[in-house]
Amino acid sequence: MPDVRTVQLGQFTDENAEVVAGALAGAGIVWWHKTSGRFTRILSAGDWGTRIYVDAARLEEAQQVARAALAEAGGQTRP
């Protein structure tokens, strides 16, 4: 596996994260996610959704892919 450095693409609702993840995979962009557990979400207002991380070298492309996928799905359009 190649050595990949990731950066945060954004924090999304769980539903929108699924849309974005599918689009990133379809575009061949390496991605990773962090979803907080139930108790963390209750205790910390900052952990309300899923954070998606992408290959740092492809961040701009990933932002475009995410915006397009969310616009098509009717979700938020600012990752």
Foldseek 3Di string as FASTA:
>chain_A
DDDFDKDWLFFDAAVLVVLLVVLCVVVVWDKDKDQDDPVCVVVDVVRVGMIMITGPVCNVVSLVSSQVSCVVVVHDRGD
